Amino acid sequence: MTYRTCFVCTGNICRSPMAGSVFRARVAAAGLGSPVEVDSAGTDGRHEGEGADPRAQTVLRANGYDAGHTARRFAPSWFARLDLVIALDAGHYTRLRRLAPAQRDADKVRRLRSYDPAAGDDLDVPDPYYGDIDGFDEVLEMVEAASTVLLEAVRTDLEGQAA
């Protein structure tokens, strides 16, 4: 059985591809590669077909992550095949829950920083698009911090599915 995750931000060129790349690397390092698929998408389609922002690519590569990516828009029909949908901020969370065709689908939506015990009530990953590369470094730090607990949550879900 394959466990499918999708990280979602607005345009799918900054935060969500960074989160997807980091989490994909964590899954591979943990030996969970084959049963876990990691994707990303945007809540709108304005960047559909484009690569990740060059600053996101630079930060990912500088930290040993894959920077290959093509932006796409999240479709409500995807809920049927996804196990977990990770929103990068409150706006994405709200939008995704509204797009969900059923309550069971809305229940699949989580905020990324809810997996970071140090985040407290500050669950948004800020949009670095209109800033400089330091914002992308900050996003990477937040994604990495949340990925450890997120990986354990996925591992627990996988074990539950196998039982």
C-alpha atoms as a PDB file:
ATOM      1  CA  MET A   1       0.000   0.000   0.000  1.00  0.00           C
ATOM      2  CA  THR A   2       1.312   3.447  -0.929  1.00  0.00           C
ATOM      3  CA  TYR A   3       0.944   6.429   1.388  1.00  0.00           C
ATOM      4  CA  ARG A   4       0.483   9.664  -0.567  1.00  0.00           C
ATOM      5  CA  THR A   5       1.250  13.161   0.695  1.00  0.00           C
ATOM      6  CA  CYS A   6       0.923  16.536  -1.009  1.00  0.00           C
ATOM      7  CA  PHE A   7       2.351  19.854   0.224  1.00  0.00           C
ATOM      8  CA  VAL A   8       0.348  22.902  -0.850  1.00  0.00           C
ATOM      9  CA  CYS A   9       1.133  26.629  -1.003  1.00  0.00           C
ATOM     10  CA  THR A  10      -0.197  29.355  -3.306  1.00  0.00           C
ATOM     11  CA  GLY A  11       1.758  29.152  -6.564  1.00  0.00           C
ATOM     12  CA  ASN A  12       3.737  25.924  -6.033  1.00  0.00           C
ATOM     13  CA  ILE A  13       7.068  27.566  -6.802  1.00  0.00           C
ATOM     14  CA  CYS A  14       8.473  28.371  -3.328  1.00  0.00           C
ATOM     15  CA  ARG A  15       7.256  26.812  -0.103  1.00  0.00           C
ATOM     16  CA  SER A  16       5.504  23.636  -1.222  1.00  0.00           C
ATOM     17  CA  PRO A  17       8.231  22.424  -3.612  1.00  0.00           C
ATOM     18  CA  MET A  18      10.802  23.099  -0.886  1.00  0.00           C
ATOM     19  CA  ALA A  19       8.728  21.119   1.619  1.00  0.00           C
ATOM     20  CA  GLY A  20       8.233  18.314  -0.878  1.00  0.00           C
ATOM     21  CA  SER A  21      11.940  18.090  -1.650  1.00  0.00           C
ATOM     22  CA  VAL A  22      12.963  18.030   2.009  1.00  0.00           C
ATOM     23  CA  PHE A  23      10.324  15.497   2.985  1.00  0.00           C
ATOM     24  CA  ARG A  24      11.101  13.265   0.000  1.00  0.00           C
ATOM     25  CA  ALA A  25      14.758  13.199   1.132  1.00  0.00           C
ATOM     26  CA  ARG A  26      13.721  12.401   4.726  1.00  0.00           C
ATOM     27  CA  VAL A  27      11.496   9.555   3.556  1.00  0.00           C
ATOM     28  CA  ALA A  28      14.298   8.116   1.410  1.00  0.00           C
ATOM     29  CA  ALA A  29      16.824   8.398   4.257  1.00  0.00           C
ATOM     30  CA  ALA A  30      14.394   6.619   6.587  1.00  0.00           C
ATOM     31  CA  GLY A  31      14.004   3.749   4.139  1.00  0.00           C
ATOM     32  CA  LEU A  32      10.331   4.520   3.507  1.00  0.00           C
ATOM     33  CA  GLY A  33      10.848   5.476  -0.159  1.00  0.00           C
ATOM     34  CA  SER A  34       8.680   2.931  -1.929  1.00  0.00           C
ATOM     35  CA  PRO A  35       5.528   3.051   0.187  1.00  0.00           C
ATOM     36  CA  VAL A  36       5.486   6.881   0.451  1.00  0.00           C
ATOM     37  CA  GLU A  37       4.849   9.280  -2.439  1.00  0.00           C
ATOM     38  CA  VAL A  38       5.557  12.977  -1.913  1.00  0.00           C
ATOM     39  CA  ASP A  39       4.059  15.657  -4.162  1.00  0.00           C
ATOM     40  CA  SER A  40       3.359  19.359  -4.083  1.00  0.00           C
ATOM     41  CA  ALA A  41       0.851  21.723  -5.666  1.00  0.00           C
ATOM     42  CA  GLY A  42      -0.545  25.252  -5.487  1.00  0.00           C
ATOM     43  CA  THR A  43      -3.972  26.596  -4.654  1.00  0.00           C
ATOM     44  CA  ASP A  44      -3.916  28.640  -7.853  1.00  0.00           C
ATOM     45  CA  GLY A  45      -2.563  27.928 -11.304  1.00  0.00           C
ATOM     46  CA  ARG A  46      -0.731  31.132 -12.178  1.00  0.00           C
ATOM     47  CA  HIS A  47       2.700  29.405 -12.189  1.00  0.00           C
ATOM     48  CA  GLU A  48       1.528  26.075 -13.599  1.00  0.00           C
ATOM     49  CA  GLY A  49       4.228  24.463 -15.743  1.00  0.00           C
ATOM     50  CA  GLU A  50       7.038  26.609 -14.327  1.00  0.00           C
ATOM     51  CA  GLY A  51      10.017  25.394 -12.335  1.00  0.00           C
ATOM     52  CA  ALA A  52      10.623  26.338  -8.724  1.00  0.00           C
ATOM     53  CA  ASP A  53      11.675  29.897  -7.954  1.00  0.00           C
ATOM     54  CA  PRO A  54      15.445  30.201  -8.642  1.00  0.00           C
ATOM     55  CA  ARG A  55      16.014  31.257  -5.019  1.00  0.00           C
ATOM     56  CA  ALA A  56      14.245  28.112  -3.783  1.00  0.00           C
ATOM     57  CA  GLN A  57      16.391  26.043  -6.148  1.00  0.00           C
ATOM     58  CA  THR A  58      19.562  27.719  -4.878  1.00  0.00           C
ATOM     59  CA  VAL A  59      18.714  27.090  -1.212  1.00  0.00           C
ATOM     60  CA  LEU A  60      17.668  23.502  -1.851  1.00  0.00           C
ATOM     61  CA  ARG A  61      20.810  22.662  -3.826  1.00  0.00           C
ATOM     62  CA  ALA A  62      23.077  24.410  -1.303  1.00  0.00           C
ATOM     63  CA  ASN A  63      21.638  22.153   1.385  1.00  0.00           C
ATOM     64  CA  GLY A  64      21.847  18.907  -0.561  1.00  0.00           C
ATOM     65  CA  TYR A  65      18.237  18.626  -1.716  1.00  0.00           C
ATOM     66  CA  ASP A  66      16.819  17.960  -5.176  1.00  0.00           C
ATOM     67  CA  ALA A  67      15.588  21.156  -6.826  1.00  0.00           C
ATOM     68  CA  GLY A  68      13.812  19.628  -9.833  1.00  0.00           C
ATOM     69  CA  HIS A  69      10.164  20.686  -9.930  1.00  0.00           C
ATOM     70  CA  THR A  70       7.258  21.664 -12.199  1.00  0.00           C
ATOM     71  CA  ALA A  71       4.437  23.722 -10.674  1.00  0.00           C
ATOM     72  CA  ARG A  72       0.850  22.531 -10.844  1.00  0.00           C
ATOM     73  CA  ARG A  73      -2.513  23.376  -9.357  1.00  0.00           C
ATOM     74  CA  PHE A  74      -4.185  21.258  -6.665  1.00  0.00           C
ATOM     75  CA  ALA A  75      -7.396  19.598  -7.885  1.00  0.00           C
ATOM     76  CA  PRO A  76     -10.194  18.601  -5.480  1.00  0.00           C
ATOM     77  CA  SER A  77     -10.336  15.188  -7.169  1.00  0.00           C
ATOM     78  CA  TRP A  78      -6.876  14.435  -5.731  1.00  0.00           C
ATOM     79  CA  PHE A  79      -8.329  14.060  -2.248  1.00  0.00           C
ATOM     80  CA  ALA A  80      -9.552  10.586  -3.189  1.00  0.00           C
ATOM     81  CA  ARG A  81      -5.994   9.294  -3.677  1.00  0.00           C
ATOM     82  CA  LEU A  82      -4.186  11.327  -0.995  1.00  0.00           C
ATOM     83  CA  ASP A  83      -3.678  10.265   2.603  1.00  0.00           C
ATOM     84  CA  LEU A  84      -2.327  13.587   3.872  1.00  0.00           C
ATOM     85  CA  VAL A  85      -2.530  17.134   2.492  1.00  0.00           C
ATOM     86  CA  ILE A  86      -0.096  19.576   4.113  1.00  0.00           C
ATOM     87  CA  ALA A  87      -0.958  23.293   3.997  1.00  0.00           C
ATOM     88  CA  LEU A  88       1.876  25.784   4.369  1.00  0.00           C
ATOM     89  CA  ASP A  89      -0.198  28.575   5.913  1.00  0.00           C
ATOM     90  CA  ALA A  90      -3.651  29.358   7.296  1.00  0.00           C
ATOM     91  CA  GLY A  91      -4.995  30.570   3.947  1.00  0.00           C
ATOM     92  CA  HIS A  92      -4.008  27.335   2.227  1.00  0.00           C
ATOM     93  CA  TYR A  93      -5.471  25.314   5.087  1.00  0.00           C
ATOM     94  CA  THR A  94      -8.825  27.092   4.826  1.00  0.00           C
ATOM     95  CA  ARG A  95      -8.907  26.920   1.034  1.00  0.00           C
ATOM     96  CA  LEU A  96      -8.053  23.208   0.958  1.00  0.00           C
ATOM     97  CA  ARG A  97     -10.688  22.337   3.538  1.00  0.00           C
ATOM     98  CA  ARG A  98     -13.276  24.227   1.463  1.00  0.00           C
ATOM     99  CA  LEU A  99     -12.198  22.370  -1.691  1.00  0.00           C
ATOM    100  CA  ALA A 100     -12.600  19.000   0.010  1.00  0.00           C
ATOM    101  CA  PRO A 101     -15.541  17.084  -1.469  1.00  0.00           C
ATOM    102  CA  ALA A 102     -16.373  15.408   1.870  1.00  0.00           C
ATOM    103  CA  GLN A 103     -15.565  15.779   5.563  1.00  0.00           C
ATOM    104  CA  ARG A 104     -13.238  12.739   5.432  1.00  0.00           C
ATOM    105  CA  ASP A 105     -11.217  14.640   2.812  1.00  0.00           C
ATOM    106  CA  ALA A 106     -11.156  17.857   4.831  1.00  0.00           C
ATOM    107  CA  ASP A 107      -9.842  15.797   7.755  1.00  0.00           C
ATOM    108  CA  LYS A 108      -6.762  14.918   5.667  1.00  0.00           C
ATOM    109  CA  VAL A 109      -5.617  18.566   5.661  1.00  0.00           C
ATOM    110  CA  ARG A 110      -2.966  19.551   8.217  1.00  0.00           C
ATOM    111  CA  ARG A 111      -0.683  22.555   8.732  1.00  0.00           C
ATOM    112  CA  LEU A 112       3.016  21.793   8.252  1.00  0.00           C
ATOM    113  CA  ARG A 113       4.218  23.619  11.342  1.00  0.00           C
ATOM    114  CA  SER A 114       1.738  21.722  13.508  1.00  0.00           C
ATOM    115  CA  TYR A 115       4.416  19.008  13.301  1.00  0.00           C
ATOM    116  CA  ASP A 116       7.055  21.316  14.827  1.00  0.00           C
ATOM    117  CA  PRO A 117       6.813  21.285  18.641  1.00  0.00           C
ATOM    118  CA  ALA A 118       8.783  24.551  18.809  1.00  0.00           C
ATOM    119  CA  ALA A 119       6.306  26.403  16.545  1.00  0.00           C
ATOM    120  CA  GLY A 120       3.770  27.068  19.307  1.00  0.00           C
ATOM    121  CA  ASP A 121       0.824  28.990  17.898  1.00  0.00           C
ATOM    122  CA  ASP A 122       2.825  30.358  14.932  1.00  0.00           C
ATOM    123  CA  LEU A 123       1.858  27.745  12.351  1.00  0.00           C
ATOM    124  CA  ASP A 124       2.345  29.743   9.147  1.00  0.00           C
ATOM    125  CA  VAL A 125       5.372  29.281   6.919  1.00  0.00           C
ATOM    126  CA  PRO A 126       5.837  32.834   5.578  1.00  0.00           C
ATOM    127  CA  ASP A 127       5.817  33.420   1.825  1.00  0.00           C
ATOM    128  CA  PRO A 128       9.383  34.298   0.781  1.00  0.00           C
ATOM    129  CA  TYR A 129       8.461  35.260  -2.806  1.00  0.00           C
ATOM    130  CA  TYR A 130       8.612  39.043  -2.401  1.00  0.00           C
ATOM    131  CA  GLY A 131      11.745  39.039  -0.264  1.00  0.00           C
ATOM    132  CA  ASP A 132      15.353  38.036  -0.646  1.00  0.00           C
ATOM    133  CA  ILE A 133      17.069  34.670  -0.353  1.00  0.00           C
ATOM    134  CA  ASP A 134      17.126  34.894   3.459  1.00  0.00           C
ATOM    135  CA  GLY A 135      13.382  34.232   3.420  1.00  0.00           C
ATOM    136  CA  PHE A 136      13.993  31.007   1.528  1.00  0.00           C
ATOM    137  CA  ASP A 137      16.597  29.978   4.092  1.00  0.00           C
ATOM    138  CA  GLU A 138      14.007  30.627   6.812  1.00  0.00           C
ATOM    139  CA  VAL A 139      11.435  28.496   4.982  1.00  0.00           C
ATOM    140  CA  LEU A 140      13.957  25.667   4.725  1.00  0.00           C
ATOM    141  CA  GLU A 141      14.643  25.814   8.470  1.00  0.00           C
ATOM    142  CA  MET A 142      10.908  25.645   9.244  1.00  0.00           C
ATOM    143  CA  VAL A 143      10.358  22.767   6.833  1.00  0.00           C
ATOM    144  CA  GLU A 144      13.275  20.796   8.223  1.00  0.00           C
ATOM    145  CA  ALA A 145      12.105  21.377  11.800  1.00  0.00           C
ATOM    146  CA  ALA A 146       8.612  20.050  11.038  1.00  0.00           C
ATOM    147  CA  SER A 147       9.773  17.150   8.875  1.00  0.00           C
ATOM    148  CA  THR A 148      11.113  15.040  11.728  1.00  0.00           C
ATOM    149  CA  VAL A 149       7.776  14.771  13.537  1.00  0.00           C
ATOM    150  CA  LEU A 150       5.874  14.594  10.232  1.00  0.00           C
ATOM    151  CA  LEU A 151       7.990  11.593   9.232  1.00  0.00           C
ATOM    152  CA  GLU A 152       7.107   9.847  12.498  1.00  0.00           C
ATOM    153  CA  ALA A 153       3.406  10.621  11.948  1.00  0.00           C
ATOM    154  CA  VAL A 154       3.542   9.110   8.463  1.00  0.00           C
ATOM    155  CA  ARG A 155       5.422   6.072   9.777  1.00  0.00           C
ATOM    156  CA  THR A 156       2.689   5.614  12.435  1.00  0.00           C
ATOM    157  CA  ASP A 157      -0.044   5.939   9.789  1.00  0.00           C
ATOM    158  CA  LEU A 158       1.720   3.355   7.626  1.00  0.00           C
ATOM    159  CA  GLU A 159       1.947   0.939  10.537  1.00  0.00           C
ATOM    160  CA  GLY A 160      -1.763   1.481  11.210  1.00  0.00           C
ATOM    161  CA  GLN A 161      -2.625   0.737   7.586  1.00  0.00           C
ATOM    162  CA  ALA A 162      -0.568  -2.470   7.684  1.00  0.00           C
ATOM    163  CA  ALA A 163      -2.295  -3.727  10.833  1.00  0.00           C
END
